[in-house]
PDB file of N, CA and C in Angstrom:
ATOM      1  N   SER A   1      13.181   0.292  19.404  1.00  0.00           N
ATOM      2  CA  SER A   1      14.535  -0.201  19.258  1.00  0.00           C
ATOM      3  C   SER A   1      15.318   0.718  18.352  1.00  0.00           C
ATOM      4  N   SER A   2      16.625   0.588  18.371  1.00  0.00           N
ATOM      5  CA  SER A   2      17.453   1.474  17.558  1.00  0.00           C
ATOM      6  C   SER A   2      17.268   1.197  16.078  1.00  0.00           C
ATOM      7  N   SER A   3      16.979  -0.053  15.684  1.00  0.00           N
ATOM      8  CA  SER A   3      16.783  -0.338  14.271  1.00  0.00           C
ATOM      9  C   SER A   3      15.510   0.310  13.750  1.00  0.00           C
ATOM     10  N   ALA A   4      14.488   0.447  14.601  1.00  0.00           N
ATOM     11  CA  ALA A   4      13.246   1.080  14.156  1.00  0.00           C
ATOM     12  C   ALA A   4      13.470   2.537  13.792  1.00  0.00           C
ATOM     13  N   SER A   5      14.422   3.219  14.436  1.00  0.00           N
ATOM     14  CA  SER A   5      14.661   4.616  14.122  1.00  0.00           C
ATOM     15  C   SER A   5      15.293   4.785  12.748  1.00  0.00           C
ATOM     16  N   ASN A   6      15.868   3.725  12.207  1.00  0.00           N
ATOM     17  CA  ASN A   6      16.470   3.769  10.877  1.00  0.00           C
ATOM     18  C   ASN A   6      15.547   3.189   9.815  1.00  0.00           C
ATOM     19  N   ALA A   7      14.337   2.841  10.189  1.00  0.00           N
ATOM     20  CA  ALA A   7      13.406   2.208   9.264  1.00  0.00           C
ATOM     21  C   ALA A   7      12.501   3.249   8.631  1.00  0.00           C
ATOM     22  N   LEU A   8      12.010   2.915   7.464  1.00  0.00           N
ATOM     23  CA  LEU A   8      11.092   3.784   6.747  1.00  0.00           C
ATOM     24  C   LEU A   8      10.042   2.908   6.100  1.00  0.00           C
ATOM     25  N   LEU A   9       8.808   3.295   6.231  1.00  0.00           N
ATOM     26  CA  LEU A   9       7.703   2.573   5.623  1.00  0.00           C
ATOM     27  C   LEU A   9       7.283   3.303   4.360  1.00  0.00           C
ATOM     28  N   LEU A  10       7.441   2.654   3.217  1.00  0.00           N
ATOM     29  CA  LEU A  10       6.936   3.196   1.952  1.00  0.00           C
ATOM     30  C   LEU A  10       5.576   2.579   1.738  1.00  0.00           C
ATOM     31  N   GLN A  11       4.577   3.409   1.652  1.00  0.00           N
ATOM     32  CA  GLN A  11       3.207   2.918   1.623  1.00  0.00           C
ATOM     33  C   GLN A  11       2.462   3.537   0.457  1.00  0.00           C
ATOM     34  N   PRO A  12       1.786   2.707  -0.349  1.00  0.00           N
ATOM     35  CA  PRO A  12       0.936   3.306  -1.370  1.00  0.00           C
ATOM     36  C   PRO A  12      -0.054   4.259  -0.718  1.00  0.00           C
ATOM     37  N   GLU A  13      -0.218   5.445  -1.303  1.00  0.00           N
ATOM     38  CA  GLU A  13      -0.972   6.510  -0.648  1.00  0.00           C
ATOM     39  C   GLU A  13      -2.429   6.171  -0.384  1.00  0.00           C
ATOM     40  N   GLU A  14      -3.014   5.280  -1.167  1.00  0.00           N
ATOM     41  CA  GLU A  14      -4.426   4.980  -0.962  1.00  0.00           C
ATOM     42  C   GLU A  14      -4.654   3.759  -0.077  1.00  0.00           C
ATOM     43  N   ASN A  15      -3.590   3.131   0.417  1.00  0.00           N
ATOM     44  CA  ASN A  15      -3.719   1.902   1.186  1.00  0.00           C
ATOM     45  C   ASN A  15      -3.348   2.129   2.643  1.00  0.00           C
ATOM     46  N   ASN A  16      -4.318   2.011   3.541  1.00  0.00           N
ATOM     47  CA  ASN A  16      -4.055   2.131   4.966  1.00  0.00           C
ATOM     48  C   ASN A  16      -4.326   0.834   5.704  1.00  0.00           C
ATOM     49  N   VAL A  17      -4.650  -0.220   4.985  1.00  0.00           N
ATOM     50  CA  VAL A  17      -5.053  -1.476   5.599  1.00  0.00           C
ATOM     51  C   VAL A  17      -3.855  -2.173   6.223  1.00  0.00           C
ATOM     52  N   GLY A  18      -3.973  -2.519   7.494  1.00  0.00           N
ATOM     53  CA  GLY A  18      -2.978  -3.347   8.157  1.00  0.00           C
ATOM     54  C   GLY A  18      -1.706  -2.652   8.586  1.00  0.00           C
ATOM     55  N   ILE A  19      -1.605  -1.338   8.438  1.00  0.00           N
ATOM     56  CA  ILE A  19      -0.351  -0.671   8.792  1.00  0.00           C
ATOM     57  C   ILE A  19      -0.503   0.328   9.925  1.00  0.00           C
ATOM     58  N   ASP A  20      -1.679   0.420  10.515  1.00  0.00           N
ATOM     59  CA  ASP A  20      -1.893   1.427  11.555  1.00  0.00           C
ATOM     60  C   ASP A  20      -0.870   1.327  12.676  1.00  0.00           C
ATOM     61  N   GLY A  21      -0.649   0.132  13.226  1.00  0.00           N
ATOM     62  CA  GLY A  21       0.313  -0.035  14.307  1.00  0.00           C
ATOM     63  C   GLY A  21       1.739   0.201  13.863  1.00  0.00           C
ATOM     64  N   ILE A  22       2.057  -0.193  12.649  1.00  0.00           N
ATOM     65  CA  ILE A  22       3.419  -0.025  12.129  1.00  0.00           C
ATOM     66  C   ILE A  22       3.703   1.441  11.846  1.00  0.00           C
ATOM     67  N   SER A  23       2.776   2.120  11.175  1.00  0.00           N
ATOM     68  CA  SER A  23       3.040   3.494  10.754  1.00  0.00           C
ATOM     69  C   SER A  23       3.158   4.448  11.935  1.00  0.00           C
ATOM     70  N   SER A  24       2.594   4.087  13.079  1.00  0.00           N
ATOM     71  CA  SER A  24       2.760   4.955  14.237  1.00  0.00           C
ATOM     72  C   SER A  24       4.160   4.835  14.831  1.00  0.00           C
ATOM     73  N   GLU A  25       4.853   3.739  14.524  1.00  0.00           N
ATOM     74  CA  GLU A  25       6.208   3.521  15.037  1.00  0.00           C
ATOM     75  C   GLU A  25       7.294   3.914  14.048  1.00  0.00           C
ATOM     76  N   LEU A  26       6.964   3.988  12.775  1.00  0.00           N
ATOM     77  CA  LEU A  26       7.950   4.285  11.740  1.00  0.00           C
ATOM     78  C   LEU A  26       7.563   5.540  10.977  1.00  0.00           C
ATOM     79  N   PRO A  27       8.549   6.314  10.544  1.00  0.00           N
ATOM     80  CA  PRO A  27       8.201   7.411   9.637  1.00  0.00           C
ATOM     81  C   PRO A  27       7.685   6.815   8.334  1.00  0.00           C
ATOM     82  N   ALA A  28       6.722   7.452   7.724  1.00  0.00           N
ATOM     83  CA  ALA A  28       6.140   6.911   6.492  1.00  0.00           C
ATOM     84  C   ALA A  28       6.168   7.954   5.389  1.00  0.00           C
ATOM     85  N   ARG A  29       6.540   7.522   4.212  1.00  0.00           N
ATOM     86  CA  ARG A  29       6.397   8.324   3.002  1.00  0.00           C
ATOM     87  C   ARG A  29       5.329   7.653   2.174  1.00  0.00           C
ATOM     88  N   ARG A  30       4.450   8.433   1.625  1.00  0.00           N
ATOM     89  CA  ARG A  30       3.381   7.856   0.826  1.00  0.00           C
ATOM     90  C   ARG A  30       3.606   8.182  -0.649  1.00  0.00           C
ATOM     91  N   TYR A  31       3.632   7.134  -1.447  1.00  0.00           N
ATOM     92  CA  TYR A  31       3.806   7.244  -2.884  1.00  0.00           C
ATOM     93  C   TYR A  31       2.602   6.596  -3.559  1.00  0.00           C
ATOM     94  N   HIS A  32       2.219   7.121  -4.704  1.00  0.00           N
ATOM     95  CA  HIS A  32       1.137   6.495  -5.457  1.00  0.00           C
ATOM     96  C   HIS A  32       1.654   5.202  -6.074  1.00  0.00           C
ATOM     97  N   LEU A  33       0.910   4.116  -5.908  1.00  0.00           N
ATOM     98  CA  LEU A  33       1.236   2.841  -6.540  1.00  0.00           C
ATOM     99  C   LEU A  33      -0.058   2.112  -6.849  1.00  0.00           C
ATOM    100  N   ASP A  34      -0.297   1.877  -8.115  1.00  0.00           N
ATOM    101  CA  ASP A  34      -1.458   1.121  -8.574  1.00  0.00           C
ATOM    102  C   ASP A  34      -0.925  -0.120  -9.266  1.00  0.00           C
ATOM    103  N   LEU A  35      -1.024  -1.261  -8.612  1.00  0.00           N
ATOM    104  CA  LEU A  35      -0.471  -2.501  -9.163  1.00  0.00           C
ATOM    105  C   LEU A  35      -1.226  -2.984 -10.396  1.00  0.00           C
ATOM    106  N   ALA A  36      -2.349  -2.383 -10.711  1.00  0.00           N
ATOM    107  CA  ALA A  36      -3.082  -2.725 -11.929  1.00  0.00           C
ATOM    108  C   ALA A  36      -2.572  -1.923 -13.124  1.00  0.00           C
ATOM    109  N   SER A  37      -1.476  -1.178 -12.933  1.00  0.00           N
ATOM    110  CA  SER A  37      -0.902  -0.364 -14.008  1.00  0.00           C
ATOM    111  C   SER A  37       0.621  -0.494 -13.999  1.00  0.00           C
ATOM    112  N   PHE A  38       1.174  -1.032 -15.081  1.00  0.00           N
ATOM    113  CA  PHE A  38       2.631  -1.140 -15.178  1.00  0.00           C
ATOM    114  C   PHE A  38       3.289   0.241 -15.177  1.00  0.00           C
ATOM    115  N   ASP A  39       2.636   1.238 -15.769  1.00  0.00           N
ATOM    116  CA  ASP A  39       3.187   2.601 -15.746  1.00  0.00           C
ATOM    117  C   ASP A  39       3.305   3.105 -14.313  1.00  0.00           C
ATOM    118  N   SER A  40       2.306   2.823 -13.486  1.00  0.00           N
ATOM    119  CA  SER A  40       2.350   3.233 -12.083  1.00  0.00           C
ATOM    120  C   SER A  40       3.483   2.525 -11.342  1.00  0.00           C
ATOM    121  N   VAL A  41       3.674   1.241 -11.616  1.00  0.00           N
ATOM    122  CA  VAL A  41       4.767   0.482 -10.981  1.00  0.00           C
ATOM    123  C   VAL A  41       6.113   1.080 -11.377  1.00  0.00           C
ATOM    124  N   ARG A  42       6.276   1.396 -12.650  1.00  0.00           N
ATOM    125  CA  ARG A  42       7.536   1.992 -13.120  1.00  0.00           C
ATOM    126  C   ARG A  42       7.783   3.362 -12.477  1.00  0.00           C
ATOM    127  N   SER A  43       6.740   4.181 -12.406  1.00  0.00           N
ATOM    128  CA  SER A  43       6.870   5.503 -11.778  1.00  0.00           C
ATOM    129  C   SER A  43       7.223   5.385 -10.301  1.00  0.00           C
ATOM    130  N   PHE A  44       6.571   4.458  -9.611  1.00  0.00           N
ATOM    131  CA  PHE A  44       6.843   4.226  -8.195  1.00  0.00           C
ATOM    132  C   PHE A  44       8.302   3.830  -7.982  1.00  0.00           C
ATOM    133  N   ALA A  45       8.781   2.862  -8.757  1.00  0.00           N
ATOM    134  CA  ALA A  45      10.157   2.391  -8.611  1.00  0.00           C
ATOM    135  C   ALA A  45      11.162   3.505  -8.917  1.00  0.00           C
ATOM    136  N   ALA A  46      10.891   4.291  -9.952  1.00  0.00           N
ATOM    137  CA  ALA A  46      11.792   5.397 -10.301  1.00  0.00           C
ATOM    138  C   ALA A  46      11.829   6.447  -9.201  1.00  0.00           C
ATOM    139  N   ARG A  47      10.680   6.756  -8.628  1.00  0.00           N
ATOM    140  CA  ARG A  47      10.629   7.758  -7.554  1.00  0.00           C
ATOM    141  C   ARG A  47      11.354   7.264  -6.310  1.00  0.00           C
ATOM    142  N   VAL A  48      11.149   5.997  -5.953  1.00  0.00           N
ATOM    143  CA  VAL A  48      11.846   5.421  -4.796  1.00  0.00           C
ATOM    144  C   VAL A  48      13.353   5.477  -5.019  1.00  0.00           C
ATOM    145  N   ALA A  49      13.810   5.068  -6.193  1.00  0.00           N
ATOM    146  CA  ALA A  49      15.242   5.080  -6.486  1.00  0.00           C
ATOM    147  C   ALA A  49      15.811   6.495  -6.425  1.00  0.00           C
ATOM    148  N   LEU A  50      15.089   7.455  -6.989  1.00  0.00           N
ATOM    149  CA  LEU A  50      15.556   8.835  -7.015  1.00  0.00           C
ATOM    150  C   LEU A  50      15.585   9.452  -5.621  1.00  0.00           C
ATOM    151  N   GLU A  51      14.510   9.280  -4.872  1.00  0.00           N
ATOM    152  CA  GLU A  51      14.390   9.946  -3.577  1.00  0.00           C
ATOM    153  C   GLU A  51      15.061   9.193  -2.430  1.00  0.00           C
ATOM    154  N   MET A  52      15.158   7.867  -2.536  1.00  0.00           N
ATOM    155  CA  MET A  52      15.715   7.079  -1.443  1.00  0.00           C
ATOM    156  C   MET A  52      17.174   6.690  -1.701  1.00  0.00           C
ATOM    157  N   GLY A  53      17.509   6.394  -2.946  1.00  0.00           N
ATOM    158  CA  GLY A  53      18.867   5.967  -3.272  1.00  0.00           C
ATOM    159  C   GLY A  53      19.127   4.513  -2.948  1.00  0.00           C
ATOM    160  N   THR A  54      18.721   4.088  -1.777  1.00  0.00           N
ATOM    161  CA  THR A  54      18.887   2.700  -1.368  1.00  0.00           C
ATOM    162  C   THR A  54      17.749   2.303  -0.434  1.00  0.00           C
ATOM    163  N   ILE A  55      17.382   1.047  -0.472  1.00  0.00           N
ATOM    164  CA  ILE A  55      16.388   0.522   0.462  1.00  0.00           C
ATOM    165  C   ILE A  55      16.883  -0.820   0.990  1.00  0.00           C
ATOM    166  N   ASP A  56      16.404  -1.186   2.158  1.00  0.00           N
ATOM    167  CA  ASP A  56      16.841  -2.422   2.801  1.00  0.00           C
ATOM    168  C   ASP A  56      15.920  -3.595   2.500  1.00  0.00           C
ATOM    169  N   VAL A  57      14.625  -3.373   2.558  1.00  0.00           N
ATOM    170  CA  VAL A  57      13.659  -4.463   2.449  1.00  0.00           C
ATOM    171  C   VAL A  57      12.435  -4.004   1.663  1.00  0.00           C
ATOM    172  N   VAL A  58      11.924  -4.881   0.824  1.00  0.00           N
ATOM    173  CA  VAL A  58      10.643  -4.684   0.168  1.00  0.00           C
ATOM    174  C   VAL A  58       9.708  -5.757   0.720  1.00  0.00           C
ATOM    175  N   VAL A  59       8.601  -5.330   1.306  1.00  0.00           N
ATOM    176  CA  VAL A  59       7.600  -6.259   1.825  1.00  0.00           C
ATOM    177  C   VAL A  59       6.346  -6.111   0.979  1.00  0.00           C
ATOM    178  N   HIS A  60       5.975  -7.166   0.301  1.00  0.00           N
ATOM    179  CA  HIS A  60       4.762  -7.139  -0.511  1.00  0.00           C
ATOM    180  C   HIS A  60       3.580  -7.501   0.371  1.00  0.00           C
ATOM    181  N   ASN A  61       2.597  -6.611   0.400  1.00  0.00           N
ATOM    182  CA  ASN A  61       1.408  -6.840   1.206  1.00  0.00           C
ATOM    183  C   ASN A  61       0.204  -6.244   0.486  1.00  0.00           C
ATOM    184  N   ALA A  62       0.037  -6.628  -0.746  1.00  0.00           N
ATOM    185  CA  ALA A  62      -1.090  -6.111  -1.519  1.00  0.00           C
ATOM    186  C   ALA A  62      -1.664  -7.250  -2.343  1.00  0.00           C
ATOM    187  N   GLY A  63      -2.879  -7.120  -2.681  1.00  0.00           N
ATOM    188  CA  GLY A  63      -3.509  -8.127  -3.518  1.00  0.00           C
ATOM    189  C   GLY A  63      -4.942  -7.728  -3.804  1.00  0.00           C
ATOM    190  N   THR A  64      -5.549  -8.476  -4.685  1.00  0.00           N
ATOM    191  CA  THR A  64      -6.940  -8.212  -5.022  1.00  0.00           C
ATOM    192  C   THR A  64      -7.643  -9.524  -5.305  1.00  0.00           C
ATOM    193  N   LEU A  65      -8.903  -9.531  -5.068  1.00  0.00           N
ATOM    194  CA  LEU A  65      -9.738 -10.671  -5.427  1.00  0.00           C
ATOM    195  C   LEU A  65     -10.573 -10.354  -6.655  1.00  0.00           C
ATOM    196  N   ALA A  66     -10.380  -9.173  -7.236  1.00  0.00           N
ATOM    197  CA  ALA A  66     -11.140  -8.779  -8.426  1.00  0.00           C
ATOM    198  C   ALA A  66     -10.854  -9.755  -9.555  1.00  0.00           C
ATOM    199  N   ALA A  67     -11.852 -10.045 -10.311  1.00  0.00           N
ATOM    200  CA  ALA A  67     -11.682 -10.986 -11.414  1.00  0.00           C
ATOM    201  C   ALA A  67     -12.573 -10.578 -12.577  1.00  0.00           C
ATOM    202  N   CYS A  68     -12.338 -11.219 -13.692  1.00  0.00           N
ATOM    203  CA  CYS A  68     -13.175 -11.042 -14.885  1.00  0.00           C
ATOM    204  C   CYS A  68     -13.131  -9.624 -15.436  1.00  0.00           C
ATOM    205  N   ALA A  69     -12.028  -8.948 -15.210  1.00  0.00           N
ATOM    206  CA  ALA A  69     -11.831  -7.624 -15.794  1.00  0.00           C
ATOM    207  C   ALA A  69     -10.373  -7.529 -16.212  1.00  0.00           C
ATOM    208  N   ASN A  70     -10.094  -6.726 -17.197  1.00  0.00           N
ATOM    209  CA  ASN A  70      -8.730  -6.548 -17.660  1.00  0.00           C
ATOM    210  C   ASN A  70      -8.201  -5.186 -17.257  1.00  0.00           C
ATOM    211  N   THR A  71      -6.899  -5.123 -17.042  1.00  0.00           N
ATOM    212  CA  THR A  71      -6.236  -3.858 -16.753  1.00  0.00           C
ATOM    213  C   THR A  71      -6.033  -3.101 -18.060  1.00  0.00           C
ATOM    214  N   THR A  72      -5.578  -1.868 -17.967  1.00  0.00           N
ATOM    215  CA  THR A  72      -5.275  -1.101 -19.177  1.00  0.00           C
ATOM    216  C   THR A  72      -4.097  -1.711 -19.932  1.00  0.00           C
ATOM    217  N   ASP A  73      -3.317  -2.559 -19.249  1.00  0.00           N
ATOM    218  CA  ASP A  73      -2.196  -3.243 -19.894  1.00  0.00           C
ATOM    219  C   ASP A  73      -2.634  -4.524 -20.605  1.00  0.00           C
ATOM    220  N   GLY A  74      -3.921  -4.907 -20.437  1.00  0.00           N
ATOM    221  CA  GLY A  74      -4.461  -6.046 -21.156  1.00  0.00           C
ATOM    222  C   GLY A  74      -4.414  -7.368 -20.405  1.00  0.00           C
ATOM    223  N   PHE A  75      -4.083  -7.347 -19.125  1.00  0.00           N
ATOM    224  CA  PHE A  75      -4.037  -8.570 -18.330  1.00  0.00           C
ATOM    225  C   PHE A  75      -5.215  -8.614 -17.366  1.00  0.00           C
ATOM    226  N   GLU A  76      -5.597  -9.814 -16.965  1.00  0.00           N
ATOM    227  CA  GLU A  76      -6.654  -9.982 -15.970  1.00  0.00           C
ATOM    228  C   GLU A  76      -6.190  -9.310 -14.678  1.00  0.00           C
ATOM    229  N   VAL A  77      -7.074  -8.577 -14.001  1.00  0.00           N
ATOM    230  CA  VAL A  77      -6.731  -7.727 -12.861  1.00  0.00           C
ATOM    231  C   VAL A  77      -5.992  -8.487 -11.760  1.00  0.00           C
ATOM    232  N   SER A  78      -6.521  -9.624 -11.331  1.00  0.00           N
ATOM    233  CA  SER A  78      -5.875 -10.320 -10.218  1.00  0.00           C
ATOM    234  C   SER A  78      -4.515 -10.882 -10.617  1.00  0.00           C
ATOM    235  N   LEU A  79      -4.339 -11.330 -11.857  1.00  0.00           N
ATOM    236  CA  LEU A  79      -3.031 -11.816 -12.317  1.00  0.00           C
ATOM    237  C   LEU A  79      -2.007 -10.694 -12.278  1.00  0.00           C
ATOM    238  N   GLN A  80      -2.373  -9.534 -12.788  1.00  0.00           N
ATOM    239  CA  GLN A  80      -1.423  -8.426 -12.814  1.00  0.00           C
ATOM    240  C   GLN A  80      -1.141  -7.890 -11.414  1.00  0.00           C
ATOM    241  N   THR A  81      -2.181  -7.719 -10.603  1.00  0.00           N
ATOM    242  CA  THR A  81      -2.017  -7.136  -9.269  1.00  0.00           C
ATOM    243  C   THR A  81      -1.292  -8.062  -8.309  1.00  0.00           C
ATOM    244  N   ASN A  82      -1.585  -9.346  -8.369  1.00  0.00           N
ATOM    245  CA  ASN A  82      -1.030 -10.296  -7.416  1.00  0.00           C
ATOM    246  C   ASN A  82       0.293 -10.910  -7.852  1.00  0.00           C
ATOM    247  N   TYR A  83       0.597 -10.900  -9.154  1.00  0.00           N
ATOM    248  CA  TYR A  83       1.808 -11.566  -9.618  1.00  0.00           C
ATOM    249  C   TYR A  83       2.676 -10.697 -10.529  1.00  0.00           C
ATOM    250  N   LEU A  84       2.151 -10.277 -11.656  1.00  0.00           N
ATOM    251  CA  LEU A  84       2.975  -9.598 -12.661  1.00  0.00           C
ATOM    252  C   LEU A  84       3.582  -8.290 -12.158  1.00  0.00           C
ATOM    253  N   SER A  85       2.770  -7.439 -11.555  1.00  0.00           N
ATOM    254  CA  SER A  85       3.302  -6.155 -11.075  1.00  0.00           C
ATOM    255  C   SER A  85       4.293  -6.311  -9.927  1.00  0.00           C
ATOM    256  N   PRO A  86       4.056  -7.200  -8.944  1.00  0.00           N
ATOM    257  CA  PRO A  86       5.080  -7.395  -7.918  1.00  0.00           C
ATOM    258  C   PRO A  86       6.415  -7.898  -8.486  1.00  0.00           C
ATOM    259  N   VAL A  87       6.363  -8.780  -9.488  1.00  0.00           N
ATOM    260  CA  VAL A  87       7.604  -9.249 -10.112  1.00  0.00           C
ATOM    261  C   VAL A  87       8.305  -8.091 -10.823  1.00  0.00           C
ATOM    262  N   LEU A  88       7.551  -7.276 -11.555  1.00  0.00           N
ATOM    263  CA  LEU A  88       8.125  -6.100 -12.211  1.00  0.00           C
ATOM    264  C   LEU A  88       8.724  -5.153 -11.179  1.00  0.00           C
ATOM    265  N   LEU A  89       8.000  -4.906 -10.099  1.00  0.00           N
ATOM    266  CA  LEU A  89       8.495  -4.022  -9.049  1.00  0.00           C
ATOM    267  C   LEU A  89       9.801  -4.554  -8.456  1.00  0.00           C
ATOM    268  N   ASN A  90       9.868  -5.849  -8.193  1.00  0.00           N
ATOM    269  CA  ASN A  90      11.110  -6.445  -7.676  1.00  0.00           C
ATOM    270  C   ASN A  90      12.273  -6.193  -8.625  1.00  0.00           C
ATOM    271  N   ARG A  91      12.047  -6.440  -9.903  1.00  0.00           N
ATOM    272  CA  ARG A  91      13.127  -6.253 -10.890  1.00  0.00           C
ATOM    273  C   ARG A  91      13.567  -4.790 -10.970  1.00  0.00           C
ATOM    274  N   LEU A  92      12.618  -3.876 -10.908  1.00  0.00           N
ATOM    275  CA  LEU A  92      12.948  -2.458 -10.997  1.00  0.00           C
ATOM    276  C   LEU A  92      13.637  -1.941  -9.733  1.00  0.00           C
ATOM    277  N   LEU A  93      13.293  -2.509  -8.575  1.00  0.00           N
ATOM    278  CA  LEU A  93      13.905  -2.066  -7.313  1.00  0.00           C
ATOM    279  C   LEU A  93      15.205  -2.792  -6.992  1.00  0.00           C
ATOM    280  N   LEU A  94      15.559  -3.805  -7.764  1.00  0.00           N
ATOM    281  CA  LEU A  94      16.769  -4.578  -7.482  1.00  0.00           C
ATOM    282  C   LEU A  94      18.031  -3.718  -7.390  1.00  0.00           C
ATOM    283  N   PRO A  95      18.276  -2.778  -8.306  1.00  0.00           N
ATOM    284  CA  PRO A  95      19.469  -1.927  -8.149  1.00  0.00           C
ATOM    285  C   PRO A  95      19.441  -1.098  -6.864  1.00  0.00           C
ATOM    286  N   THR A  96      18.252  -0.654  -6.472  1.00  0.00           N
ATOM    287  CA  THR A  96      18.113   0.127  -5.241  1.00  0.00           C
ATOM    288  C   THR A  96      18.365  -0.750  -4.021  1.00  0.00           C
ATOM    289  N   LEU A  97      17.947  -1.998  -4.076  1.00  0.00           N
ATOM    290  CA  LEU A  97      18.233  -2.948  -2.994  1.00  0.00           C
ATOM    291  C   LEU A  97      19.720  -3.277  -2.934  1.00  0.00           C
ATOM    292  N   LYS A  98      20.338  -3.452  -4.092  1.00  0.00           N
ATOM    293  CA  LYS A  98      21.769  -3.781  -4.133  1.00  0.00           C
ATOM    294  C   LYS A  98      22.639  -2.608  -3.697  1.00  0.00           C
ATOM    295  N   ALA A  99      22.103  -1.389  -3.764  1.00  0.00           N
ATOM    296  CA  ALA A  99      22.855  -0.205  -3.348  1.00  0.00           C
ATOM    297  C   ALA A  99      22.935  -0.079  -1.832  1.00  0.00           C
ATOM    298  N   ASN A 100      22.256  -0.953  -1.118  1.00  0.00           N
ATOM    299  CA  ASN A 100      22.289  -0.974   0.348  1.00  0.00           C
ATOM    300  C   ASN A 100      23.752  -1.043   0.815  1.00  0.00           C
ATOM    301  N   PRO A 101      24.161  -0.211   1.771  1.00  0.00           N
ATOM    302  CA  PRO A 101      25.558  -0.208   2.233  1.00  0.00           C
ATOM    303  C   PRO A 101      26.061  -1.572   2.686  1.00  0.00           C
ATOM    304  N   ALA A 102      25.174  -2.391   3.216  1.00  0.00           N
ATOM    305  CA  ALA A 102      25.582  -3.743   3.642  1.00  0.00           C
ATOM    306  C   ALA A 102      25.677  -4.669   2.446  1.00  0.00           C
ATOM    307  N   GLY A 103      25.211  -4.211   1.291  1.00  0.00           N
ATOM    308  CA  GLY A 103      25.265  -5.026   0.087  1.00  0.00           C
ATOM    309  C   GLY A 103      24.179  -6.081   0.008  1.00  0.00           C
ATOM    310  N   VAL A 104      23.267  -6.047   0.970  1.00  0.00           N
ATOM    311  CA  VAL A 104      22.218  -7.065   1.002  1.00  0.00           C
ATOM    312  C   VAL A 104      20.863  -6.386   1.178  1.00  0.00           C
ATOM    313  N   GLY A 105      20.006  -6.536   0.197  1.00  0.00           N
ATOM    314  CA  GLY A 105      18.631  -6.084   0.321  1.00  0.00           C
ATOM    315  C   GLY A 105      17.737  -7.309   0.293  1.00  0.00           C
ATOM    316  N   ARG A 106      16.569  -7.189   0.872  1.00  0.00           N
ATOM    317  CA  ARG A 106      15.679  -8.350   0.944  1.00  0.00           C
ATOM    318  C   ARG A 106      14.318  -8.026   0.365  1.00  0.00           C
ATOM    319  N   ILE A 107      13.719  -9.039  -0.256  1.00  0.00           N
ATOM    320  CA  ILE A 107      12.348  -8.949  -0.748  1.00  0.00           C
ATOM    321  C   ILE A 107      11.549 -10.012  -0.016  1.00  0.00           C
ATOM    322  N   VAL A 108      10.505  -9.561   0.665  1.00  0.00           N
ATOM    323  CA  VAL A 108       9.690 -10.475   1.465  1.00  0.00           C
ATOM    324  C   VAL A 108       8.283 -10.480   0.917  1.00  0.00           C
TER     325      VAL A 108
END
């Protein structure tokens, strides 16, 4: 479809799970993103903002079942990976979403 030609898949470079069919239809840029590290989340958001300028949609599709270990930031791994880092990422990408020419960005 014509909308697919305007789409871009931003994919953490080490994650290929569940995107094989999508990535063959969309151009993909791979960025490093480790949700167990707030520094990595900040770097990812800054790079997206710098290189993309605007984005239309953020789709969260990551998680972990790891438990009983702490991240370098001092939080339990699954709490940070499944909740804290996605919330931080949303907040950091909000200006990039708002810069969308239609004025509407979405987080799914």
